[in-house]
Amino acid sequence: MNTTPRLLVVDDEDAILEFVSYNLKKVGYDVVTAKDGDTALELAATSPFDLVILDIMLPGVDGFEVCRRLRAKGDVPVLFLSARDTELDKVVGLEIGGDDYLSKPFGIRELQARVKALLRRAAPVSRSAASRSTAGDRFEAAGLLLDEDTHEVHSGDTPIDLTPREFELLACLMANNGKVLSRDQLLRQAWGWEIVVETKTVDTHIKRLRDKLEGAGVDPNVVETVRGYGYRLNG
């Protein structure tokens, strides 16, 4: 069975497509390219990808909308690769479901490192040593029950539908109930990131996690912000 990660690279600049696809193929990835959002969505609907690298300014359907539609259908990791590098652009990209954001111009080694980290995060592997014990743990805190075997979270009888990254984030917080975890700790323990990245990614996922908790009748403030440091679960 072929286990080579399959990547979709979407950009309307031929030079960027050639540069990125060549260097990702060189390190062993199977790379498919698209020059506009409509083609990208058609390709994604035809067969699954392990990661999508996505420009924002595309002909027709822009990158933000492509990400929204991909996220509505699944949880494929999305890395935005864009010349739009304002903080607002990055926040919007993460809030609509992007997993990382790299501004142009960029170094190919950094891109390769981020791709590797995103694929590692998406893989169904257990967290590292700081990351708790064995698979199959069950945690109860703040009126929540999290079961790693079934990958389910409940508040009483109400199921809470979380993405894999939201699930890992909540599991890490519940495993360390009452302890303050920095954003860097959460990146490493919950998702296995080993490179320096935008820690705002954690803030964005915390916001989405709180929204889903609130939608299930749970006080979103059980995930407490510790100003200037990180987060803790109070349960």
Protein backbone atom coordinates (compact mmCIF):
# COMPACT_ATOMS: atom_id res chain seq x y z
CA MET A 1 0.00 0.00 0.00
CA ASN A 2 1.35 3.43 -0.95
CA THR A 3 2.01 5.50 2.17
CA THR A 4 3.62 8.48 0.42
CA PRO A 5 1.84 11.67 1.60
CA ARG A 6 -0.18 13.23 -1.20
CA LEU A 7 -0.10 17.02 -1.33
CA LEU A 8 -2.14 19.55 -3.31
CA VAL A 9 -0.37 22.85 -4.04
CA VAL A 10 -2.61 25.69 -5.25
CA ASP A 11 -1.13 28.92 -6.63
CA ASP A 12 -1.74 30.99 -9.74
CA GLU A 13 1.97 31.73 -10.27
CA ASP A 14 3.76 29.16 -12.42
CA ALA A 15 7.11 29.95 -10.82
CA ILE A 16 5.76 29.30 -7.30
CA LEU A 17 4.05 26.08 -8.36
CA GLU A 18 7.20 24.78 -10.01
CA PHE A 19 9.47 25.81 -7.14
CA VAL A 20 7.27 24.35 -4.40
CA SER A 21 6.30 21.15 -6.19
CA TYR A 22 9.89 20.41 -7.27
CA ASN A 23 11.28 20.82 -3.77
CA LEU A 24 8.50 18.83 -2.11
CA LYS A 25 8.81 16.01 -4.64
CA LYS A 26 12.56 16.01 -4.01
CA VAL A 27 11.99 15.06 -0.36
CA GLY A 28 9.57 12.28 -1.24
CA TYR A 29 6.05 13.72 -1.43
CA ASP A 30 3.49 13.01 -4.14
CA VAL A 31 2.52 16.49 -5.36
CA VAL A 32 -0.47 17.60 -7.46
CA THR A 33 -0.86 21.25 -8.52
CA ALA A 34 -3.72 23.58 -9.37
CA LYS A 35 -3.76 27.20 -10.55
CA ASP A 36 -7.21 28.26 -9.34
CA GLY A 37 -9.70 27.54 -6.58
CA ASP A 38 -12.27 25.76 -8.72
CA THR A 39 -9.72 23.25 -10.00
CA ALA A 40 -8.44 22.70 -6.47
CA LEU A 41 -11.93 21.89 -5.19
CA GLU A 42 -12.55 19.53 -8.12
CA LEU A 43 -9.29 17.69 -7.43
CA ALA A 44 -10.02 17.45 -3.70
CA ALA A 45 -13.48 16.06 -4.43
CA THR A 46 -12.04 13.43 -6.79
CA SER A 47 -9.51 11.89 -4.42
CA PRO A 48 -8.24 12.68 -0.93
CA PHE A 49 -5.09 14.64 -0.09
CA ASP A 50 -3.01 14.51 3.08
CA LEU A 51 -2.27 18.24 2.99
CA VAL A 52 -3.28 21.30 0.96
CA ILE A 53 -0.88 24.23 0.44
CA LEU A 54 -3.05 27.15 -0.54
CA ASP A 55 -2.50 30.66 -1.86
CA ILE A 56 -5.16 33.24 -0.92
CA MET A 57 -5.30 35.42 -4.03
CA LEU A 58 -6.56 32.99 -6.66
CA PRO A 59 -8.64 33.45 -9.82
CA GLY A 60 -12.34 32.75 -9.22
CA VAL A 61 -12.81 31.13 -5.83
CA ASP A 62 -10.18 32.60 -3.50
CA GLY A 63 -8.10 30.66 -1.00
CA PHE A 64 -10.20 31.58 2.01
CA GLU A 65 -13.33 30.20 0.35
CA VAL A 66 -11.48 27.07 -0.80
CA CYS A 67 -10.45 26.48 2.81
CA ARG A 68 -14.02 26.98 4.06
CA ARG A 69 -15.37 24.43 1.58
CA LEU A 70 -12.61 21.92 2.34
CA ARG A 71 -13.21 22.31 6.06
CA ALA A 72 -16.97 21.81 5.61
CA LYS A 73 -16.27 18.38 4.10
CA GLY A 74 -13.35 17.13 6.17
CA ASP A 75 -10.28 17.88 8.21
CA VAL A 76 -7.44 17.85 5.69
CA PRO A 77 -4.62 20.09 6.99
CA VAL A 78 -4.41 23.44 5.19
CA LEU A 79 -1.24 25.54 5.02
CA PHE A 80 -1.77 29.04 3.66
CA LEU A 81 1.13 30.31 1.56
CA SER A 82 0.50 33.93 0.70
CA ALA A 83 2.00 37.34 -0.01
CA ARG A 84 -0.74 38.76 2.22
CA ASP A 85 1.12 38.86 5.51
CA THR A 86 -0.84 41.18 7.78
CA GLU A 87 -1.88 39.93 11.19
CA LEU A 88 -5.53 40.19 10.12
CA ASP A 89 -4.96 37.93 7.11
CA LYS A 90 -3.27 35.35 9.33
CA VAL A 91 -6.02 35.47 11.95
CA VAL A 92 -8.75 35.15 9.30
CA GLY A 93 -6.94 32.24 7.68
CA LEU A 94 -6.67 30.39 10.99
CA GLU A 95 -10.19 31.21 12.13
CA ILE A 96 -11.79 29.76 9.00
CA GLY A 97 -9.97 26.49 9.54
CA GLY A 98 -6.41 26.89 8.29
CA ASP A 99 -3.74 25.07 10.28
CA ASP A 100 -0.72 27.23 9.54
CA TYR A 101 0.22 30.36 7.61
CA LEU A 102 3.54 31.06 5.86
CA SER A 103 4.18 34.44 4.23
CA LYS A 104 5.87 34.95 0.89
CA PRO A 105 8.79 35.20 0.32
CA PHE A 106 9.69 32.05 2.24
CA GLY A 107 12.57 29.63 2.60
CA ILE A 108 12.03 26.18 1.14
CA ARG A 109 13.48 24.51 4.24
CA GLU A 110 10.97 26.28 6.44
CA LEU A 111 8.16 25.21 4.12
CA GLN A 112 9.39 21.61 4.19
CA ALA A 113 9.59 21.72 8.00
CA ARG A 114 6.06 23.07 8.33
CA VAL A 115 4.69 20.48 5.91
CA LYS A 116 6.39 17.74 7.91
CA ALA A 117 5.00 19.11 11.18
CA LEU A 118 1.45 19.39 9.84
CA LEU A 119 1.52 15.84 8.48
CA ARG A 120 2.86 14.59 11.81
CA ARG A 121 0.08 16.39 13.68
CA ALA A 122 -2.56 14.91 11.40
CA ALA A 123 -1.24 11.37 11.75
CA PRO A 124 -3.11 9.10 14.19
CA VAL A 125 -0.26 8.75 16.66
CA SER A 126 -0.26 9.13 20.41
CA ARG A 127 1.24 12.16 22.12
CA SER A 128 4.81 12.11 23.34
CA ALA A 129 5.96 11.56 26.83
CA ALA A 130 4.97 14.89 28.12
CA SER A 131 1.95 13.73 26.30
CA ARG A 132 0.58 11.24 28.63
CA SER A 133 0.49 7.58 28.93
CA THR A 134 -1.15 5.02 26.75
CA ALA A 135 -3.89 5.13 24.20
CA GLY A 136 -7.33 4.50 25.54
CA ASP A 137 -7.30 7.04 28.37
CA ARG A 138 -10.57 8.45 29.63
CA PHE A 139 -10.70 11.86 31.29
CA GLU A 140 -13.48 13.46 33.30
CA ALA A 141 -13.37 17.14 34.23
CA ALA A 142 -15.59 20.21 34.15
CA GLY A 143 -18.63 18.05 33.42
CA LEU A 144 -16.92 16.59 30.33
CA LEU A 145 -16.04 12.99 29.51
CA LEU A 146 -13.33 12.42 26.90
CA ASP A 147 -12.65 8.90 25.63
CA GLU A 148 -9.52 8.38 23.55
CA ASP A 149 -10.54 4.90 22.39
CA THR A 150 -13.72 6.11 20.73
CA HIS A 151 -12.40 9.64 20.07
CA GLU A 152 -15.57 11.06 21.59
CA VAL A 153 -16.35 13.88 23.99
CA HIS A 154 -19.63 14.21 25.90
CA SER A 155 -21.17 16.73 28.23
CA GLY A 156 -23.66 14.54 30.06
CA ASP A 157 -25.61 12.86 27.27
CA THR A 158 -24.69 15.54 24.72
CA PRO A 159 -21.93 14.63 22.24
CA ILE A 160 -19.53 17.40 21.26
CA ASP A 161 -18.24 17.19 17.69
CA LEU A 162 -14.56 18.22 17.65
CA THR A 163 -11.96 18.17 14.90
CA PRO A 164 -8.90 15.98 15.59
CA ARG A 165 -6.85 19.03 16.59
CA GLU A 166 -9.57 20.37 18.89
CA PHE A 167 -9.87 16.89 20.43
CA GLU A 168 -6.11 16.70 21.06
CA LEU A 169 -6.11 20.18 22.56
CA LEU A 170 -8.95 19.37 24.95
CA ALA A 171 -7.38 16.02 25.85
CA CYS A 172 -4.14 17.76 26.74
CA LEU A 173 -5.95 20.33 28.90
CA MET A 174 -8.03 17.65 30.63
CA ALA A 175 -4.95 15.51 31.29
CA ASN A 176 -3.40 18.53 33.00
CA ASN A 177 -6.58 19.70 34.72
CA GLY A 178 -5.86 22.75 36.88
CA LYS A 179 -2.33 23.23 35.52
CA VAL A 180 -1.32 26.19 33.40
CA LEU A 181 0.09 25.23 30.00
CA SER A 182 1.90 27.71 27.80
CA ARG A 183 1.03 28.02 24.15
CA ASP A 184 4.35 26.40 23.25
CA GLN A 185 3.60 23.48 25.57
CA LEU A 186 0.21 23.01 23.96
CA LEU A 187 1.73 23.08 20.48
CA ARG A 188 4.25 20.41 21.46
CA GLN A 189 2.14 18.22 23.73
CA ALA A 190 -1.18 18.30 21.90
CA TRP A 191 0.06 18.34 18.32
CA GLY A 192 3.73 17.36 18.35
CA TRP A 193 5.05 20.57 16.80
CA GLU A 194 8.82 20.79 17.17
CA ILE A 195 9.45 23.97 15.21
CA VAL A 196 8.85 27.60 16.08
CA VAL A 197 5.55 28.65 14.57
CA GLU A 198 2.80 31.19 15.11
CA THR A 199 1.47 30.49 18.59
CA LYS A 200 -1.69 32.39 17.62
CA THR A 201 -2.73 29.05 16.12
CA VAL A 202 -3.42 27.89 19.69
CA ASP A 203 -5.56 30.95 20.42
CA THR A 204 -7.64 30.32 17.32
CA HIS A 205 -8.25 26.67 18.20
CA ILE A 206 -9.07 27.60 21.80
CA LYS A 207 -11.70 30.02 20.51
CA ARG A 208 -13.28 27.33 18.32
CA LEU A 209 -13.12 24.82 21.18
CA ARG A 210 -14.86 27.26 23.54
CA ASP A 211 -17.56 27.93 20.95
CA LYS A 212 -18.28 24.20 20.66
CA LEU A 213 -18.31 23.74 24.43
CA GLU A 214 -20.76 26.61 24.78
CA GLY A 215 -22.93 25.12 22.05
CA ALA A 216 -23.17 21.94 24.14
CA GLY A 217 -24.22 23.87 27.23
CA VAL A 218 -20.78 23.94 28.87
CA ASP A 219 -19.44 27.18 30.34
CA PRO A 220 -16.70 28.14 27.85
CA ASN A 221 -14.77 29.78 30.68
CA VAL A 222 -13.79 26.35 32.01
CA VAL A 223 -10.92 26.89 29.57
CA GLU A 224 -9.29 29.82 31.32
CA THR A 225 -6.88 32.26 29.71
CA VAL A 226 -3.82 32.93 31.84
CA ARG A 227 -2.82 36.35 30.62
CA GLY A 228 0.55 36.53 28.92
CA TYR A 229 1.20 32.81 29.27
CA GLY A 230 -1.34 30.26 28.11
CA TYR A 231 -4.39 28.29 29.23
CA ARG A 232 -5.66 25.90 31.86
CA LEU A 233 -8.78 23.81 32.35
CA ASN A 234 -10.66 24.53 35.58
CA GLY A 235 -12.67 21.43 36.33
